[in-house]
Amino acid sequence: MYEVVHAVLPPVAKLYWRPRIEGLENIPSSGPVIVASNHLSFADSMVIPFFVPRKVVFLAKEDYFTGTGIKGALVRGWFEGIGMVPVDRDDTKAALASLDIALEVLGRGEAFGIYPEGTRSRDGRLYRGRTGVAHLALTSGAPVVPVGLTGTEKIQPVGTTFPRRADVTVRFGEPLQFRDTYDGVPAGRARREVTDVIMNEIQKLSGQPFAGVYNERPAEA
């Protein structure tokens, strides 16, 4: 399914949005890599996989994969087709499960996409990164490619059904290597420092002002 969707949709998306893509050469053509991006919109998880020439695995709510009937099959096919993997976000152990899944993806030599902020920014600021991204980098040894997205919040604002045209820019920074850099450093300190380095690079690419606090997922009605 991925091969079919990826052969058809990226060319259409490029014609429709005409995005500005910078630094695509910074994505390694093979081997494990962590693609760490700011998060402005639901559309981010389409934009990055569409414009990266290799599969980038993102996590998505398990609900998207459990629907029934024709609609359920179409939704499931769509998310599988753009490389997403289901995770139960309401499980109390979801965070640990997500990291395990990510390490499995990296262990297979694939690319894994992650939003260190945890959830999308609703005011345009860049929120403090959570340390899961550093755990992945330090555990796997995979390089981290920071990504700065701008304009994606205009593609499908909250309450809209269909994607809109928008001026979208995707900037890929140079890979960050942390292998062996923090040997002997206490784990908590190492994860915090690595995360902050990654977020600083994302900020340079996105131009967002720092919020200075964590972003919390709003309670569902």
C-alpha atoms as a PDB file:
ATOM      1  CA  MET A   1       0.000   0.000   0.000  1.00  0.00           C
ATOM      2  CA  TYR A   2       2.814   2.410   0.893  1.00  0.00           C
ATOM      3  CA  GLU A   3       4.432   2.043  -2.534  1.00  0.00           C
ATOM      4  CA  VAL A   4       1.131   2.756  -4.309  1.00  0.00           C
ATOM      5  CA  VAL A   5       0.232   5.804  -2.221  1.00  0.00           C
ATOM      6  CA  HIS A   6       3.754   7.217  -2.324  1.00  0.00           C
ATOM      7  CA  ALA A   7       3.912   6.873  -6.112  1.00  0.00           C
ATOM      8  CA  VAL A   8       0.695   8.851  -6.609  1.00  0.00           C
ATOM      9  CA  LEU A   9       0.227  11.430  -3.847  1.00  0.00           C
ATOM     10  CA  PRO A  10       3.595  13.237  -3.549  1.00  0.00           C
ATOM     11  CA  PRO A  11       3.542  14.490  -7.177  1.00  0.00           C
ATOM     12  CA  VAL A  12      -0.050  15.698  -6.683  1.00  0.00           C
ATOM     13  CA  ALA A  13       0.843  17.378  -3.387  1.00  0.00           C
ATOM     14  CA  LYS A  14       3.801  19.154  -4.988  1.00  0.00           C
ATOM     15  CA  LEU A  15       1.604  20.517  -7.761  1.00  0.00           C
ATOM     16  CA  TYR A  16      -1.122  21.605  -5.348  1.00  0.00           C
ATOM     17  CA  TRP A  17       0.984  23.195  -2.586  1.00  0.00           C
ATOM     18  CA  ARG A  18       4.213  23.987  -4.498  1.00  0.00           C
ATOM     19  CA  PRO A  19       6.169  23.844  -1.256  1.00  0.00           C
ATOM     20  CA  ARG A  20       9.605  25.309  -0.730  1.00  0.00           C
ATOM     21  CA  ILE A  21      11.908  22.465   0.267  1.00  0.00           C
ATOM     22  CA  GLU A  22      15.384  23.173   1.626  1.00  0.00           C
ATOM     23  CA  GLY A  23      18.141  20.820   2.758  1.00  0.00           C
ATOM     24  CA  LEU A  24      16.603  17.595   1.495  1.00  0.00           C
ATOM     25  CA  GLU A  25      20.127  16.329   0.854  1.00  0.00           C
ATOM     26  CA  ASN A  26      20.561  16.204   4.645  1.00  0.00           C
ATOM     27  CA  ILE A  27      18.312  13.138   4.838  1.00  0.00           C
ATOM     28  CA  PRO A  28      20.554  10.037   4.626  1.00  0.00           C
ATOM     29  CA  SER A  29      19.528   7.831   1.714  1.00  0.00           C
ATOM     30  CA  SER A  30      19.760   4.710   3.876  1.00  0.00           C
ATOM     31  CA  GLY A  31      20.266   3.604   7.460  1.00  0.00           C
ATOM     32  CA  PRO A  32      18.451   4.608  10.638  1.00  0.00           C
ATOM     33  CA  VAL A  33      17.650   8.296  11.099  1.00  0.00           C
ATOM     34  CA  ILE A  34      15.401  10.275  13.433  1.00  0.00           C
ATOM     35  CA  VAL A  35      13.473  13.074  11.736  1.00  0.00           C
ATOM     36  CA  ALA A  36      12.619  15.552  14.519  1.00  0.00           C
ATOM     37  CA  SER A  37      10.231  18.362  13.588  1.00  0.00           C
ATOM     38  CA  ASN A  38       8.241  21.200  15.067  1.00  0.00           C
ATOM     39  CA  HIS A  39       4.511  20.517  15.016  1.00  0.00           C
ATOM     40  CA  LEU A  40       1.926  22.992  13.744  1.00  0.00           C
ATOM     41  CA  SER A  41      -0.786  20.886  12.128  1.00  0.00           C
ATOM     42  CA  PHE A  42      -2.276  17.456  11.579  1.00  0.00           C
ATOM     43  CA  ALA A  43      -0.964  17.914   8.028  1.00  0.00           C
ATOM     44  CA  ASP A  44       2.665  17.790   9.193  1.00  0.00           C
ATOM     45  CA  SER A  45       2.566  13.998   9.169  1.00  0.00           C
ATOM     46  CA  MET A  46       1.600  14.125   5.493  1.00  0.00           C
ATOM     47  CA  VAL A  47       3.915  16.915   4.389  1.00  0.00           C
ATOM     48  CA  ILE A  48       7.129  15.316   5.661  1.00  0.00           C
ATOM     49  CA  PRO A  49       6.486  11.791   4.271  1.00  0.00           C
ATOM     50  CA  PHE A  50       5.323  13.244   0.948  1.00  0.00           C
ATOM     51  CA  PHE A  51       8.497  15.216   0.342  1.00  0.00           C
ATOM     52  CA  VAL A  52      11.174  12.925   1.786  1.00  0.00           C
ATOM     53  CA  PRO A  53      12.343  10.433  -0.858  1.00  0.00           C
ATOM     54  CA  ARG A  54      12.402   7.537   1.628  1.00  0.00           C
ATOM     55  CA  LYS A  55       9.777   6.153   3.975  1.00  0.00           C
ATOM     56  CA  VAL A  56       9.422   8.054   7.252  1.00  0.00           C
ATOM     57  CA  VAL A  57       7.421   6.213   9.909  1.00  0.00           C
ATOM     58  CA  PHE A  58       5.216   8.316  12.208  1.00  0.00           C
ATOM     59  CA  LEU A  59       2.940   7.124  14.992  1.00  0.00           C
ATOM     60  CA  ALA A  60      -0.805   7.715  14.783  1.00  0.00           C
ATOM     61  CA  LYS A  61      -3.767   7.115  17.085  1.00  0.00           C
ATOM     62  CA  GLU A  62      -4.862   3.491  17.085  1.00  0.00           C
ATOM     63  CA  ASP A  63      -8.441   4.672  16.425  1.00  0.00           C
ATOM     64  CA  TYR A  64      -7.508   5.445  12.826  1.00  0.00           C
ATOM     65  CA  PHE A  65      -6.773   1.763  12.204  1.00  0.00           C
ATOM     66  CA  THR A  66      -9.764   0.141  13.892  1.00  0.00           C
ATOM     67  CA  GLY A  67     -12.705   1.550  11.937  1.00  0.00           C
ATOM     68  CA  THR A  68     -15.170  -0.791  10.280  1.00  0.00           C
ATOM     69  CA  GLY A  69     -16.870  -0.878   6.923  1.00  0.00           C
ATOM     70  CA  ILE A  70     -15.771   0.898   3.763  1.00  0.00           C
ATOM     71  CA  LYS A  71     -14.904   4.132   5.555  1.00  0.00           C
ATOM     72  CA  GLY A  72     -12.816   2.299   8.146  1.00  0.00           C
ATOM     73  CA  ALA A  73     -10.948   0.427   5.421  1.00  0.00           C
ATOM     74  CA  LEU A  74     -10.253   3.638   3.499  1.00  0.00           C
ATOM     75  CA  VAL A  75      -8.996   5.472   6.577  1.00  0.00           C
ATOM     76  CA  ARG A  76      -6.824   2.519   7.576  1.00  0.00           C
ATOM     77  CA  GLY A  77      -5.457   2.220   4.044  1.00  0.00           C
ATOM     78  CA  TRP A  78      -4.665   5.940   3.970  1.00  0.00           C
ATOM     79  CA  PHE A  79      -2.669   5.916   7.201  1.00  0.00           C
ATOM     80  CA  GLU A  80      -0.865   2.703   6.326  1.00  0.00           C
ATOM     81  CA  GLY A  81      -0.186   4.139   2.884  1.00  0.00           C
ATOM     82  CA  ILE A  82       1.692   7.143   4.232  1.00  0.00           C
ATOM     83  CA  GLY A  83       3.756   4.969   6.556  1.00  0.00           C
ATOM     84  CA  MET A  84       2.008   5.463   9.890  1.00  0.00           C
ATOM     85  CA  VAL A  85       2.010   2.909  12.704  1.00  0.00           C
ATOM     86  CA  PRO A  86      -0.808   2.670  15.300  1.00  0.00           C
ATOM     87  CA  VAL A  87      -0.279   3.372  18.987  1.00  0.00           C
ATOM     88  CA  ASP A  88      -2.790   3.527  21.826  1.00  0.00           C
ATOM     89  CA  ARG A  89      -2.355   7.086  23.129  1.00  0.00           C
ATOM     90  CA  ASP A  90      -4.782   6.481  26.003  1.00  0.00           C
ATOM     91  CA  ASP A  91      -2.802   3.574  27.430  1.00  0.00           C
ATOM     92  CA  THR A  92      -0.927   4.587  30.581  1.00  0.00           C
ATOM     93  CA  LYS A  93       2.147   2.888  29.129  1.00  0.00           C
ATOM     94  CA  ALA A  94       1.729   4.512  25.693  1.00  0.00           C
ATOM     95  CA  ALA A  95       4.866   6.653  25.969  1.00  0.00           C
ATOM     96  CA  LEU A  96       7.079   3.653  26.676  1.00  0.00           C
ATOM     97  CA  ALA A  97       5.354   1.627  23.966  1.00  0.00           C
ATOM     98  CA  SER A  98       5.936   4.454  21.477  1.00  0.00           C
ATOM     99  CA  LEU A  99       9.656   4.498  22.249  1.00  0.00           C
ATOM    100  CA  ASP A 100       9.846   0.723  21.856  1.00  0.00           C
ATOM    101  CA  ILE A 101       8.140   0.930  18.469  1.00  0.00           C
ATOM    102  CA  ALA A 102      10.488   3.730  17.407  1.00  0.00           C
ATOM    103  CA  LEU A 103      13.547   1.710  18.402  1.00  0.00           C
ATOM    104  CA  GLU A 104      12.228  -1.238  16.398  1.00  0.00           C
ATOM    105  CA  VAL A 105      11.848   1.000  13.339  1.00  0.00           C
ATOM    106  CA  LEU A 106      15.366   2.399  13.768  1.00  0.00           C
ATOM    107  CA  GLY A 107      16.712  -1.092  14.399  1.00  0.00           C
ATOM    108  CA  ARG A 108      15.449  -2.084  10.946  1.00  0.00           C
ATOM    109  CA  GLY A 109      17.477   0.767   9.451  1.00  0.00           C
ATOM    110  CA  GLU A 110      14.436   2.921   8.714  1.00  0.00           C
ATOM    111  CA  ALA A 111      13.577   6.582   9.286  1.00  0.00           C
ATOM    112  CA  PHE A 112      11.381   7.513  12.249  1.00  0.00           C
ATOM    113  CA  GLY A 113       9.545  10.829  12.517  1.00  0.00           C
ATOM    114  CA  ILE A 114       8.897  12.470  15.870  1.00  0.00           C
ATOM    115  CA  TYR A 115       7.545  15.751  17.250  1.00  0.00           C
ATOM    116  CA  PRO A 116       9.542  16.473  20.430  1.00  0.00           C
ATOM    117  CA  GLU A 117       6.913  19.023  21.544  1.00  0.00           C
ATOM    118  CA  GLY A 118       4.502  16.126  21.958  1.00  0.00           C
ATOM    119  CA  THR A 119       1.469  17.839  20.470  1.00  0.00           C
ATOM    120  CA  ARG A 120       0.916  20.605  17.956  1.00  0.00           C
ATOM    121  CA  SER A 121       1.409  24.248  18.815  1.00  0.00           C
ATOM    122  CA  ARG A 122      -1.822  26.218  18.771  1.00  0.00           C
ATOM    123  CA  ASP A 123      -0.245  29.650  19.109  1.00  0.00           C
ATOM    124  CA  GLY A 124       2.721  29.310  16.754  1.00  0.00           C
ATOM    125  CA  ARG A 125       5.371  29.198  19.477  1.00  0.00           C
ATOM    126  CA  LEU A 126       7.935  26.416  19.796  1.00  0.00           C
ATOM    127  CA  TYR A 127       7.385  24.514  23.015  1.00  0.00           C
ATOM    128  CA  ARG A 128       9.971  22.764  25.154  1.00  0.00           C
ATOM    129  CA  GLY A 129      11.005  19.377  23.820  1.00  0.00           C
ATOM    130  CA  ARG A 130      10.276  16.191  25.709  1.00  0.00           C
ATOM    131  CA  THR A 131      13.246  13.911  26.144  1.00  0.00           C
ATOM    132  CA  GLY A 132      11.945  10.879  24.255  1.00  0.00           C
ATOM    133  CA  VAL A 133      13.766  12.070  21.128  1.00  0.00           C
ATOM    134  CA  ALA A 134      17.051  12.129  23.042  1.00  0.00           C
ATOM    135  CA  HIS A 135      16.393   8.655  24.431  1.00  0.00           C
ATOM    136  CA  LEU A 136      16.007   7.380  20.870  1.00  0.00           C
ATOM    137  CA  ALA A 137      19.152   9.123  19.655  1.00  0.00           C
ATOM    138  CA  LEU A 138      21.313   8.004  22.578  1.00  0.00           C
ATOM    139  CA  THR A 139      19.972   4.440  22.634  1.00  0.00           C
ATOM    140  CA  SER A 140      20.030   3.767  18.888  1.00  0.00           C
ATOM    141  CA  GLY A 141      23.004   5.901  17.894  1.00  0.00           C
ATOM    142  CA  ALA A 142      20.988   7.127  14.917  1.00  0.00           C
ATOM    143  CA  PRO A 143      21.592  10.681  13.674  1.00  0.00           C
ATOM    144  CA  VAL A 144      18.874  13.276  14.192  1.00  0.00           C
ATOM    145  CA  VAL A 145      17.796  15.494  11.289  1.00  0.00           C
ATOM    146  CA  PRO A 146      16.016  18.603  12.652  1.00  0.00           C
ATOM    147  CA  VAL A 147      13.117  19.943  10.605  1.00  0.00           C
ATOM    148  CA  GLY A 148      11.496  23.368  10.586  1.00  0.00           C
ATOM    149  CA  LEU A 149       7.997  23.607   9.116  1.00  0.00           C
ATOM    150  CA  THR A 150       6.244  26.880   8.339  1.00  0.00           C
ATOM    151  CA  GLY A 151       2.784  27.427   6.905  1.00  0.00           C
ATOM    152  CA  THR A 152       1.410  23.936   7.504  1.00  0.00           C
ATOM    153  CA  GLU A 153      -1.083  25.247  10.080  1.00  0.00           C
ATOM    154  CA  LYS A 154      -2.900  26.904   7.147  1.00  0.00           C
ATOM    155  CA  ILE A 155      -3.347  23.665   5.200  1.00  0.00           C
ATOM    156  CA  GLN A 156      -6.117  22.219   7.328  1.00  0.00           C
ATOM    157  CA  PRO A 157      -7.116  24.485  10.229  1.00  0.00           C
ATOM    158  CA  VAL A 158      -9.153  22.992  13.065  1.00  0.00           C
ATOM    159  CA  GLY A 159     -12.754  22.575  11.927  1.00  0.00           C
ATOM    160  CA  THR A 160     -12.030  22.233   8.213  1.00  0.00           C
ATOM    161  CA  THR A 161     -12.524  19.047   6.227  1.00  0.00           C
ATOM    162  CA  PHE A 162     -10.361  19.380   3.144  1.00  0.00           C
ATOM    163  CA  PRO A 163      -6.763  20.568   2.739  1.00  0.00           C
ATOM    164  CA  ARG A 164      -6.297  24.120   1.480  1.00  0.00           C
ATOM    165  CA  ARG A 165      -3.562  25.726  -0.573  1.00  0.00           C
ATOM    166  CA  ALA A 166      -0.945  27.383   1.581  1.00  0.00           C
ATOM    167  CA  ASP A 167       2.609  28.698   1.378  1.00  0.00           C
ATOM    168  CA  VAL A 168       4.521  25.845   2.948  1.00  0.00           C
ATOM    169  CA  THR A 169       8.234  25.678   3.646  1.00  0.00           C
ATOM    170  CA  VAL A 170      10.071  22.577   4.858  1.00  0.00           C
ATOM    171  CA  ARG A 171      13.670  23.026   5.984  1.00  0.00           C
ATOM    172  CA  PHE A 172      15.848  20.020   6.812  1.00  0.00           C
ATOM    173  CA  GLY A 173      18.908  20.785   8.911  1.00  0.00           C
ATOM    174  CA  GLU A 174      22.232  19.011   8.966  1.00  0.00           C
ATOM    175  CA  PRO A 175      22.260  15.664  10.817  1.00  0.00           C
ATOM    176  CA  LEU A 176      23.132  15.837  14.500  1.00  0.00           C
ATOM    177  CA  GLN A 177      25.322  13.047  15.861  1.00  0.00           C
ATOM    178  CA  PHE A 178      25.274  12.143  19.543  1.00  0.00           C
ATOM    179  CA  ARG A 179      26.886   8.699  19.506  1.00  0.00           C
ATOM    180  CA  ASP A 180      29.493   8.419  22.298  1.00  0.00           C
ATOM    181  CA  THR A 181      29.197  12.162  23.017  1.00  0.00           C
ATOM    182  CA  TYR A 182      27.560  11.691  26.407  1.00  0.00           C
ATOM    183  CA  ASP A 183      29.373   8.613  27.655  1.00  0.00           C
ATOM    184  CA  GLY A 184      29.663   8.870  31.441  1.00  0.00           C
ATOM    185  CA  VAL A 185      27.095  11.676  31.717  1.00  0.00           C
ATOM    186  CA  PRO A 186      24.085  10.894  33.967  1.00  0.00           C
ATOM    187  CA  ALA A 187      21.236   9.683  31.778  1.00  0.00           C
ATOM    188  CA  GLY A 188      18.706  12.346  32.800  1.00  0.00           C
ATOM    189  CA  ARG A 189      21.138  15.198  32.205  1.00  0.00           C
ATOM    190  CA  ALA A 190      22.263  13.727  28.868  1.00  0.00           C
ATOM    191  CA  ARG A 191      18.685  13.385  27.600  1.00  0.00           C
ATOM    192  CA  ARG A 192      17.834  16.950  28.632  1.00  0.00           C
ATOM    193  CA  GLU A 193      20.913  18.439  26.995  1.00  0.00           C
ATOM    194  CA  VAL A 194      20.480  16.477  23.767  1.00  0.00           C
ATOM    195  CA  THR A 195      16.825  17.455  23.574  1.00  0.00           C
ATOM    196  CA  ASP A 196      17.670  21.124  24.037  1.00  0.00           C
ATOM    197  CA  VAL A 197      20.301  20.958  21.291  1.00  0.00           C
ATOM    198  CA  ILE A 198      17.732  19.448  18.923  1.00  0.00           C
ATOM    199  CA  MET A 199      15.077  22.043  19.799  1.00  0.00           C
ATOM    200  CA  ASN A 200      17.539  24.896  19.272  1.00  0.00           C
ATOM    201  CA  GLU A 201      18.274  23.599  15.775  1.00  0.00           C
ATOM    202  CA  ILE A 202      14.560  23.241  15.020  1.00  0.00           C
ATOM    203  CA  GLN A 203      14.025  26.836  16.148  1.00  0.00           C
ATOM    204  CA  LYS A 204      16.739  28.089  13.789  1.00  0.00           C
ATOM    205  CA  LEU A 205      14.949  26.352  10.912  1.00  0.00           C
ATOM    206  CA  SER A 206      11.377  27.353  11.811  1.00  0.00           C
ATOM    207  CA  GLY A 207      12.011  30.849  13.187  1.00  0.00           C
ATOM    208  CA  GLN A 208       9.412  30.348  15.927  1.00  0.00           C
ATOM    209  CA  PRO A 209       9.703  32.124  19.265  1.00  0.00           C
ATOM    210  CA  PHE A 210      10.361  29.805  22.189  1.00  0.00           C
ATOM    211  CA  ALA A 211       7.446  29.258  24.564  1.00  0.00           C
ATOM    212  CA  GLY A 212       9.754  28.172  27.391  1.00  0.00           C
ATOM    213  CA  VAL A 213       7.238  25.647  28.733  1.00  0.00           C
ATOM    214  CA  TYR A 214       5.886  22.228  27.796  1.00  0.00           C
ATOM    215  CA  ASN A 215       2.880  21.988  25.513  1.00  0.00           C
ATOM    216  CA  GLU A 216       0.021  19.975  26.967  1.00  0.00           C
ATOM    217  CA  ARG A 217      -2.503  18.060  24.882  1.00  0.00           C
ATOM    218  CA  PRO A 218      -5.925  19.632  25.481  1.00  0.00           C
ATOM    219  CA  ALA A 219      -8.523  17.466  27.183  1.00  0.00           C
ATOM    220  CA  GLU A 220     -10.953  15.905  24.727  1.00  0.00           C
ATOM    221  CA  ALA A 221     -14.578  16.848  25.114  1.00  0.00           C
END
